[in-house]
Amino acid sequence: MAASRLPPVTLTLKQFLRRQQVLQLYRRILKVIHQVPTKADQHYLKEWAREEFKRNKDATDEDAIRMMITQGNMQLQELERTLQLANS
């Protein structure tokens, strides 16, 4: 019995670009988390980020997605500031 396959989802250009923004934000967050000094804190932050992105992966409302990207960028900046203060 062959597995049923869903037809591929075609994204609009706007959706494609928004998806790229989300993926870029996720990669930047993971990169900054690698600068956290303790492995336990790194693990906690990676799990937190993974769960947040997973929880919102089915969001479709454009305004909500933009708001989540903005909040994610603000949280990333806060983490970067915290790490800079800790290293100074």
PDB file of N, CA and C in Angstrom:
ATOM      1  N   MET A   1       0.846  -1.180   0.000  1.00  0.00           N
ATOM      2  CA  MET A   1       0.000   0.000   0.000  1.00  0.00           C
ATOM      3  C   MET A   1       0.890   1.243   0.000  1.00  0.00           C
ATOM      4  N   ALA A   2       0.732   2.089  -0.958  1.00  0.00           N
ATOM      5  CA  ALA A   2       1.552   3.287  -1.084  1.00  0.00           C
ATOM      6  C   ALA A   2       1.081   4.357  -0.106  1.00  0.00           C
ATOM      7  N   ALA A   3       2.042   5.102   0.418  1.00  0.00           N
ATOM      8  CA  ALA A   3       1.703   6.193   1.327  1.00  0.00           C
ATOM      9  C   ALA A   3       1.049   7.311   0.534  1.00  0.00           C
ATOM     10  N   SER A   4      -0.013   7.858   1.098  1.00  0.00           N
ATOM     11  CA  SER A   4      -0.668   8.968   0.399  1.00  0.00           C
ATOM     12  C   SER A   4       0.179  10.218   0.564  1.00  0.00           C
ATOM     13  N   ARG A   5       0.305  10.946  -0.492  1.00  0.00           N
ATOM     14  CA  ARG A   5       1.105  12.174  -0.468  1.00  0.00           C
ATOM     15  C   ARG A   5       0.182  13.359  -0.711  1.00  0.00           C
ATOM     16  N   LEU A   6       0.451  14.391   0.059  1.00  0.00           N
ATOM     17  CA  LEU A   6      -0.294  15.623  -0.142  1.00  0.00           C
ATOM     18  C   LEU A   6       0.340  16.372  -1.303  1.00  0.00           C
ATOM     19  N   PRO A   7      -0.466  17.095  -2.059  1.00  0.00           N
ATOM     20  CA  PRO A   7       0.122  17.881  -3.144  1.00  0.00           C
ATOM     21  C   PRO A   7       1.040  18.951  -2.550  1.00  0.00           C
ATOM     22  N   PRO A   8       2.096  19.328  -3.256  1.00  0.00           N
ATOM     23  CA  PRO A   8       2.999  20.343  -2.714  1.00  0.00           C
ATOM     24  C   PRO A   8       2.270  21.670  -2.521  1.00  0.00           C
ATOM     25  N   VAL A   9       2.618  22.348  -1.462  1.00  0.00           N
ATOM     26  CA  VAL A   9       2.006  23.643  -1.172  1.00  0.00           C
ATOM     27  C   VAL A   9       2.782  24.707  -1.940  1.00  0.00           C
ATOM     28  N   THR A  10       2.074  25.525  -2.675  1.00  0.00           N
ATOM     29  CA  THR A  10       2.696  26.605  -3.421  1.00  0.00           C
ATOM     30  C   THR A  10       2.541  27.890  -2.622  1.00  0.00           C
ATOM     31  N   LEU A  11       3.667  28.501  -2.297  1.00  0.00           N
ATOM     32  CA  LEU A  11       3.647  29.735  -1.535  1.00  0.00           C
ATOM     33  C   LEU A  11       3.629  30.928  -2.475  1.00  0.00           C
ATOM     34  N   THR A  12       2.950  31.980  -2.053  1.00  0.00           N
ATOM     35  CA  THR A  12       3.037  33.235  -2.799  1.00  0.00           C
ATOM     36  C   THR A  12       4.422  33.820  -2.530  1.00  0.00           C
ATOM     37  N   LEU A  13       4.818  34.786  -3.319  1.00  0.00           N
ATOM     38  CA  LEU A  13       6.114  35.428  -3.109  1.00  0.00           C
ATOM     39  C   LEU A  13       6.185  36.034  -1.709  1.00  0.00           C
ATOM     40  N   LYS A  14       5.110  36.671  -1.282  1.00  0.00           N
ATOM     41  CA  LYS A  14       5.067  37.290   0.043  1.00  0.00           C
ATOM     42  C   LYS A  14       5.245  36.228   1.140  1.00  0.00           C
ATOM     43  N   GLN A  15       4.552  35.091   1.000  1.00  0.00           N
ATOM     44  CA  GLN A  15       4.679  34.011   1.977  1.00  0.00           C
ATOM     45  C   GLN A  15       6.093  33.436   1.976  1.00  0.00           C
ATOM     46  N   PHE A  16       6.666  33.282   0.782  1.00  0.00           N
ATOM     47  CA  PHE A  16       8.022  32.757   0.670  1.00  0.00           C
ATOM     48  C   PHE A  16       9.017  33.680   1.378  1.00  0.00           C
ATOM     49  N   LEU A  17       8.893  34.980   1.137  1.00  0.00           N
ATOM     50  CA  LEU A  17       9.804  35.939   1.759  1.00  0.00           C
ATOM     51  C   LEU A  17       9.622  35.980   3.276  1.00  0.00           C
ATOM     52  N   ARG A  18       8.382  35.901   3.730  1.00  0.00           N
ATOM     53  CA  ARG A  18       8.117  35.894   5.168  1.00  0.00           C
ATOM     54  C   ARG A  18       8.717  34.641   5.799  1.00  0.00           C
ATOM     55  N   ARG A  19       8.574  33.496   5.113  1.00  0.00           N
ATOM     56  CA  ARG A  19       9.143  32.247   5.614  1.00  0.00           C
ATOM     57  C   ARG A  19      10.659  32.368   5.733  1.00  0.00           C
ATOM     58  N   GLN A  20      11.287  33.012   4.754  1.00  0.00           N
ATOM     59  CA  GLN A  20      12.734  33.215   4.804  1.00  0.00           C
ATOM     60  C   GLN A  20      13.119  34.084   5.996  1.00  0.00           C
ATOM     61  N   GLN A  21      12.306  35.087   6.297  1.00  0.00           N
ATOM     62  CA  GLN A  21      12.566  35.937   7.461  1.00  0.00           C
ATOM     63  C   GLN A  21      12.513  35.118   8.737  1.00  0.00           C
ATOM     64  N   VAL A  22      11.514  34.255   8.845  1.00  0.00           N
ATOM     65  CA  VAL A  22      11.346  33.425  10.038  1.00  0.00           C
ATOM     66  C   VAL A  22      12.534  32.474  10.192  1.00  0.00           C
ATOM     67  N   LEU A  23      12.923  31.827   9.111  1.00  0.00           N
ATOM     68  CA  LEU A  23      14.055  30.898   9.175  1.00  0.00           C
ATOM     69  C   LEU A  23      15.355  31.625   9.521  1.00  0.00           C
ATOM     70  N   GLN A  24      15.528  32.805   8.962  1.00  0.00           N
ATOM     71  CA  GLN A  24      16.720  33.600   9.269  1.00  0.00           C
ATOM     72  C   GLN A  24      16.752  33.980  10.747  1.00  0.00           C
ATOM     73  N   LEU A  25      15.607  34.374  11.289  1.00  0.00           N
ATOM     74  CA  LEU A  25      15.518  34.708  12.703  1.00  0.00           C
ATOM     75  C   LEU A  25      15.859  33.493  13.559  1.00  0.00           C
ATOM     76  N   TYR A  26      15.328  32.340  13.213  1.00  0.00           N
ATOM     77  CA  TYR A  26      15.594  31.113  13.969  1.00  0.00           C
ATOM     78  C   TYR A  26      17.098  30.790  13.953  1.00  0.00           C
ATOM     79  N   ARG A  27      17.715  30.899  12.792  1.00  0.00           N
ATOM     80  CA  ARG A  27      19.156  30.618  12.695  1.00  0.00           C
ATOM     81  C   ARG A  27      19.964  31.620  13.519  1.00  0.00           C
ATOM     82  N   ARG A  28      19.582  32.892  13.477  1.00  0.00           N
ATOM     83  CA  ARG A  28      20.290  33.912  14.272  1.00  0.00           C
ATOM     84  C   ARG A  28      20.149  33.639  15.763  1.00  0.00           C
ATOM     85  N   ILE A  29      18.957  33.230  16.185  1.00  0.00           N
ATOM     86  CA  ILE A  29      18.740  32.916  17.596  1.00  0.00           C
ATOM     87  C   ILE A  29      19.646  31.764  18.015  1.00  0.00           C
ATOM     88  N   LEU A  30      19.685  30.706  17.212  1.00  0.00           N
ATOM     89  CA  LEU A  30      20.524  29.551  17.558  1.00  0.00           C
ATOM     90  C   LEU A  30      22.000  29.938  17.597  1.00  0.00           C
ATOM     91  N   LYS A  31      22.422  30.807  16.680  1.00  0.00           N
ATOM     92  CA  LYS A  31      23.816  31.241  16.656  1.00  0.00           C
ATOM     93  C   LYS A  31      24.174  32.004  17.931  1.00  0.00           C
ATOM     94  N   VAL A  32      23.292  32.873  18.382  1.00  0.00           N
ATOM     95  CA  VAL A  32      23.551  33.644  19.595  1.00  0.00           C
ATOM     96  C   VAL A  32      23.515  32.727  20.820  1.00  0.00           C
ATOM     97  N   ILE A  33      22.614  31.754  20.816  1.00  0.00           N
ATOM     98  CA  ILE A  33      22.523  30.820  21.948  1.00  0.00           C
ATOM     99  C   ILE A  33      23.854  30.077  22.130  1.00  0.00           C
ATOM    100  N   HIS A  34      24.573  29.814  21.045  1.00  0.00           N
ATOM    101  CA  HIS A  34      25.867  29.137  21.149  1.00  0.00           C
ATOM    102  C   HIS A  34      26.894  29.969  21.913  1.00  0.00           C
ATOM    103  N   GLN A  35      26.642  31.260  22.081  1.00  0.00           N
ATOM    104  CA  GLN A  35      27.552  32.130  22.830  1.00  0.00           C
ATOM    105  C   GLN A  35      27.268  32.105  24.331  1.00  0.00           C
ATOM    106  N   VAL A  36      26.151  31.494  24.728  1.00  0.00           N
ATOM    107  CA  VAL A  36      25.801  31.410  26.149  1.00  0.00           C
ATOM    108  C   VAL A  36      26.839  30.507  26.827  1.00  0.00           C
ATOM    109  N   PRO A  37      27.395  30.945  27.945  1.00  0.00           N
ATOM    110  CA  PRO A  37      28.527  30.220  28.528  1.00  0.00           C
ATOM    111  C   PRO A  37      28.224  28.805  29.063  1.00  0.00           C
ATOM    112  N   THR A  38      27.073  28.583  29.621  1.00  0.00           N
ATOM    113  CA  THR A  38      26.828  27.268  30.223  1.00  0.00           C
ATOM    114  C   THR A  38      25.972  26.393  29.315  1.00  0.00           C
ATOM    115  N   LYS A  39      26.340  25.120  29.248  1.00  0.00           N
ATOM    116  CA  LYS A  39      25.623  24.162  28.400  1.00  0.00           C
ATOM    117  C   LYS A  39      24.165  24.018  28.837  1.00  0.00           C
ATOM    118  N   ALA A  40      23.920  24.046  30.136  1.00  0.00           N
ATOM    119  CA  ALA A  40      22.546  23.900  30.633  1.00  0.00           C
ATOM    120  C   ALA A  40      21.674  25.059  30.151  1.00  0.00           C
ATOM    121  N   ASP A  41      22.215  26.278  30.205  1.00  0.00           N
ATOM    122  CA  ASP A  41      21.467  27.441  29.730  1.00  0.00           C
ATOM    123  C   ASP A  41      21.274  27.390  28.218  1.00  0.00           C
ATOM    124  N   GLN A  42      22.297  26.935  27.498  1.00  0.00           N
ATOM    125  CA  GLN A  42      22.166  26.769  26.051  1.00  0.00           C
ATOM    126  C   GLN A  42      21.043  25.799  25.733  1.00  0.00           C
ATOM    127  N   HIS A  43      21.033  24.672  26.438  1.00  0.00           N
ATOM    128  CA  HIS A  43      20.006  23.657  26.197  1.00  0.00           C
ATOM    129  C   HIS A  43      18.611  24.226  26.479  1.00  0.00           C
ATOM    130  N   TYR A  44      18.468  24.930  27.600  1.00  0.00           N
ATOM    131  CA  TYR A  44      17.180  25.523  27.963  1.00  0.00           C
ATOM    132  C   TYR A  44      16.708  26.501  26.876  1.00  0.00           C
ATOM    133  N   LEU A  45      17.613  27.370  26.425  1.00  0.00           N
ATOM    134  CA  LEU A  45      17.245  28.382  25.435  1.00  0.00           C
ATOM    135  C   LEU A  45      16.925  27.750  24.077  1.00  0.00           C
ATOM    136  N   LYS A  46      17.667  26.716  23.689  1.00  0.00           N
ATOM    137  CA  LYS A  46      17.372  26.023  22.427  1.00  0.00           C
ATOM    138  C   LYS A  46      15.989  25.389  22.480  1.00  0.00           C
ATOM    139  N   GLU A  47      15.676  24.736  23.593  1.00  0.00           N
ATOM    140  CA  GLU A  47      14.351  24.119  23.741  1.00  0.00           C
ATOM    141  C   GLU A  47      13.257  25.172  23.717  1.00  0.00           C
ATOM    142  N   TRP A  48      13.498  26.287  24.391  1.00  0.00           N
ATOM    143  CA  TRP A  48      12.519  27.374  24.407  1.00  0.00           C
ATOM    144  C   TRP A  48      12.272  27.881  22.977  1.00  0.00           C
ATOM    145  N   ALA A  49      13.357  28.142  22.247  1.00  0.00           N
ATOM    146  CA  ALA A  49      13.221  28.653  20.881  1.00  0.00           C
ATOM    147  C   ALA A  49      12.501  27.635  20.004  1.00  0.00           C
ATOM    148  N   ARG A  50      12.908  26.389  20.096  1.00  0.00           N
ATOM    149  CA  ARG A  50      12.297  25.330  19.278  1.00  0.00           C
ATOM    150  C   ARG A  50      10.795  25.251  19.546  1.00  0.00           C
ATOM    151  N   GLU A  51      10.409  25.270  20.813  1.00  0.00           N
ATOM    152  CA  GLU A  51       8.993  25.180  21.172  1.00  0.00           C
ATOM    153  C   GLU A  51       8.199  26.391  20.693  1.00  0.00           C
ATOM    154  N   GLU A  52       8.781  27.584  20.806  1.00  0.00           N
ATOM    155  CA  GLU A  52       8.089  28.792  20.347  1.00  0.00           C
ATOM    156  C   GLU A  52       7.833  28.740  18.842  1.00  0.00           C
ATOM    157  N   PHE A  53       8.851  28.357  18.088  1.00  0.00           N
ATOM    158  CA  PHE A  53       8.676  28.293  16.637  1.00  0.00           C
ATOM    159  C   PHE A  53       7.716  27.166  16.265  1.00  0.00           C
ATOM    160  N   LYS A  54       7.819  26.047  16.951  1.00  0.00           N
ATOM    161  CA  LYS A  54       6.928  24.917  16.658  1.00  0.00           C
ATOM    162  C   LYS A  54       5.476  25.283  16.980  1.00  0.00           C
ATOM    163  N   ARG A  55       5.281  25.982  18.092  1.00  0.00           N
ATOM    164  CA  ARG A  55       3.934  26.354  18.520  1.00  0.00           C
ATOM    165  C   ARG A  55       3.257  27.284  17.508  1.00  0.00           C
ATOM    166  N   ASN A  56       4.058  28.074  16.822  1.00  0.00           N
ATOM    167  CA  ASN A  56       3.500  29.061  15.896  1.00  0.00           C
ATOM    168  C   ASN A  56       3.667  28.691  14.424  1.00  0.00           C
ATOM    169  N   LYS A  57       4.080  27.467  14.137  1.00  0.00           N
ATOM    170  CA  LYS A  57       4.400  27.090  12.756  1.00  0.00           C
ATOM    171  C   LYS A  57       3.198  27.105  11.823  1.00  0.00           C
ATOM    172  N   ASP A  58       1.995  26.972  12.347  1.00  0.00           N
ATOM    173  CA  ASP A  58       0.813  26.950  11.492  1.00  0.00           C
ATOM    174  C   ASP A  58       0.123  28.306  11.383  1.00  0.00           C
ATOM    175  N   ALA A  59       0.758  29.341  11.906  1.00  0.00           N
ATOM    176  CA  ALA A  59       0.165  30.681  11.835  1.00  0.00           C
ATOM    177  C   ALA A  59       0.065  31.124  10.382  1.00  0.00           C
ATOM    178  N   THR A  60      -1.048  31.740  10.044  1.00  0.00           N
ATOM    179  CA  THR A  60      -1.251  32.205   8.671  1.00  0.00           C
ATOM    180  C   THR A  60      -1.590  33.686   8.594  1.00  0.00           C
ATOM    181  N   ASP A  61      -2.023  34.271   9.696  1.00  0.00           N
ATOM    182  CA  ASP A  61      -2.390  35.687   9.692  1.00  0.00           C
ATOM    183  C   ASP A  61      -1.129  36.539   9.525  1.00  0.00           C
ATOM    184  N   GLU A  62      -1.088  37.312   8.449  1.00  0.00           N
ATOM    185  CA  GLU A  62       0.099  38.094   8.096  1.00  0.00           C
ATOM    186  C   GLU A  62       0.493  39.072   9.203  1.00  0.00           C
ATOM    187  N   ASP A  63      -0.492  39.752   9.799  1.00  0.00           N
ATOM    188  CA  ASP A  63      -0.188  40.700  10.872  1.00  0.00           C
ATOM    189  C   ASP A  63       0.381  39.991  12.083  1.00  0.00           C
ATOM    190  N   ALA A  64      -0.173  38.841  12.434  1.00  0.00           N
ATOM    191  CA  ALA A  64       0.311  38.082  13.579  1.00  0.00           C
ATOM    192  C   ALA A  64       1.741  37.596  13.342  1.00  0.00           C
ATOM    193  N   ILE A  65       2.017  37.153  12.132  1.00  0.00           N
ATOM    194  CA  ILE A  65       3.363  36.666  11.800  1.00  0.00           C
ATOM    195  C   ILE A  65       4.366  37.807  11.892  1.00  0.00           C
ATOM    196  N   ARG A  66       4.008  38.970  11.342  1.00  0.00           N
ATOM    197  CA  ARG A  66       4.897  40.139  11.436  1.00  0.00           C
ATOM    198  C   ARG A  66       5.154  40.509  12.892  1.00  0.00           C
ATOM    199  N   MET A  67       4.109  40.460  13.712  1.00  0.00           N
ATOM    200  CA  MET A  67       4.253  40.785  15.127  1.00  0.00           C
ATOM    201  C   MET A  67       5.182  39.780  15.820  1.00  0.00           C
ATOM    202  N   MET A  68       5.027  38.495  15.499  1.00  0.00           N
ATOM    203  CA  MET A  68       5.877  37.474  16.110  1.00  0.00           C
ATOM    204  C   MET A  68       7.333  37.652  15.685  1.00  0.00           C
ATOM    205  N   ILE A  69       7.572  38.017  14.428  1.00  0.00           N
ATOM    206  CA  ILE A  69       8.935  38.266  13.962  1.00  0.00           C
ATOM    207  C   ILE A  69       9.531  39.452  14.714  1.00  0.00           C
ATOM    208  N   THR A  70       8.739  40.509  14.877  1.00  0.00           N
ATOM    209  CA  THR A  70       9.208  41.687  15.616  1.00  0.00           C
ATOM    210  C   THR A  70       9.538  41.320  17.058  1.00  0.00           C
ATOM    211  N   GLN A  71       8.656  40.562  17.712  1.00  0.00           N
ATOM    212  CA  GLN A  71       8.914  40.141  19.093  1.00  0.00           C
ATOM    213  C   GLN A  71      10.158  39.256  19.175  1.00  0.00           C
ATOM    214  N   GLY A  72      10.312  38.360  18.216  1.00  0.00           N
ATOM    215  CA  GLY A  72      11.482  37.493  18.196  1.00  0.00           C
ATOM    216  C   GLY A  72      12.764  38.284  18.043  1.00  0.00           C
ATOM    217  N   ASN A  73      12.747  39.296  17.179  1.00  0.00           N
ATOM    218  CA  ASN A  73      13.925  40.152  17.011  1.00  0.00           C
ATOM    219  C   ASN A  73      14.234  40.936  18.285  1.00  0.00           C
ATOM    220  N   MET A  74      13.204  41.406  18.963  1.00  0.00           N
ATOM    221  CA  MET A  74      13.407  42.132  20.221  1.00  0.00           C
ATOM    222  C   MET A  74      13.996  41.206  21.283  1.00  0.00           C
ATOM    223  N   GLN A  75      13.501  39.977  21.370  1.00  0.00           N
ATOM    224  CA  GLN A  75      14.025  39.027  22.346  1.00  0.00           C
ATOM    225  C   GLN A  75      15.462  38.650  22.006  1.00  0.00           C
ATOM    226  N   LEU A  76      15.763  38.533  20.719  1.00  0.00           N
ATOM    227  CA  LEU A  76      17.134  38.249  20.292  1.00  0.00           C
ATOM    228  C   LEU A  76      18.062  39.392  20.691  1.00  0.00           C
ATOM    229  N   GLN A  77      17.633  40.624  20.460  1.00  0.00           N
ATOM    230  CA  GLN A  77      18.450  41.779  20.842  1.00  0.00           C
ATOM    231  C   GLN A  77      18.679  41.815  22.350  1.00  0.00           C
ATOM    232  N   GLU A  78      17.653  41.465  23.117  1.00  0.00           N
ATOM    233  CA  GLU A  78      17.792  41.434  24.570  1.00  0.00           C
ATOM    234  C   GLU A  78      18.812  40.375  24.993  1.00  0.00           C
ATOM    235  N   LEU A  79      18.762  39.217  24.373  1.00  0.00           N
ATOM    236  CA  LEU A  79      19.730  38.163  24.670  1.00  0.00           C
ATOM    237  C   LEU A  79      21.136  38.615  24.315  1.00  0.00           C
ATOM    238  N   GLU A  80      21.283  39.262  23.161  1.00  0.00           N
ATOM    239  CA  GLU A  80      22.604  39.764  22.758  1.00  0.00           C
ATOM    240  C   GLU A  80      23.124  40.803  23.749  1.00  0.00           C
ATOM    241  N   ARG A  81      22.262  41.721  24.201  1.00  0.00           N
ATOM    242  CA  ARG A  81      22.664  42.722  25.199  1.00  0.00           C
ATOM    243  C   ARG A  81      23.072  42.066  26.504  1.00  0.00           C
ATOM    244  N   THR A  82      22.312  41.075  26.927  1.00  0.00           N
ATOM    245  CA  THR A  82      22.614  40.367  28.170  1.00  0.00           C
ATOM    246  C   THR A  82      23.978  39.682  28.081  1.00  0.00           C
ATOM    247  N   LEU A  83      24.250  39.064  26.949  1.00  0.00           N
ATOM    248  CA  LEU A  83      25.548  38.400  26.768  1.00  0.00           C
ATOM    249  C   LEU A  83      26.675  39.410  26.738  1.00  0.00           C
ATOM    250  N   GLN A  84      26.458  40.564  26.112  1.00  0.00           N
ATOM    251  CA  GLN A  84      27.498  41.604  26.081  1.00  0.00           C
ATOM    252  C   GLN A  84      27.796  42.100  27.487  1.00  0.00           C
ATOM    253  N   LEU A  85      26.746  42.301  28.293  1.00  0.00           N
ATOM    254  CA  LEU A  85      26.958  42.760  29.675  1.00  0.00           C
ATOM    255  C   LEU A  85      27.693  41.703  30.495  1.00  0.00           C
ATOM    256  N   ALA A  86      27.351  40.446  30.280  1.00  0.00           N
ATOM    257  CA  ALA A  86      27.986  39.364  31.023  1.00  0.00           C
ATOM    258  C   ALA A  86      29.465  39.238  30.663  1.00  0.00           C
ATOM    259  N   ASN A  87      29.804  39.577  29.431  1.00  0.00           N
ATOM    260  CA  ASN A  87      31.193  39.445  28.976  1.00  0.00           C
ATOM    261  C   ASN A  87      32.037  40.678  29.251  1.00  0.00           C
ATOM    262  N   SER A  88      31.418  41.753  29.736  1.00  0.00           N
ATOM    263  CA  SER A  88      32.193  42.978  29.956  1.00  0.00           C
ATOM    264  C   SER A  88      32.636  43.117  31.397  1.00  0.00           C
TER     265      SER A  88
END
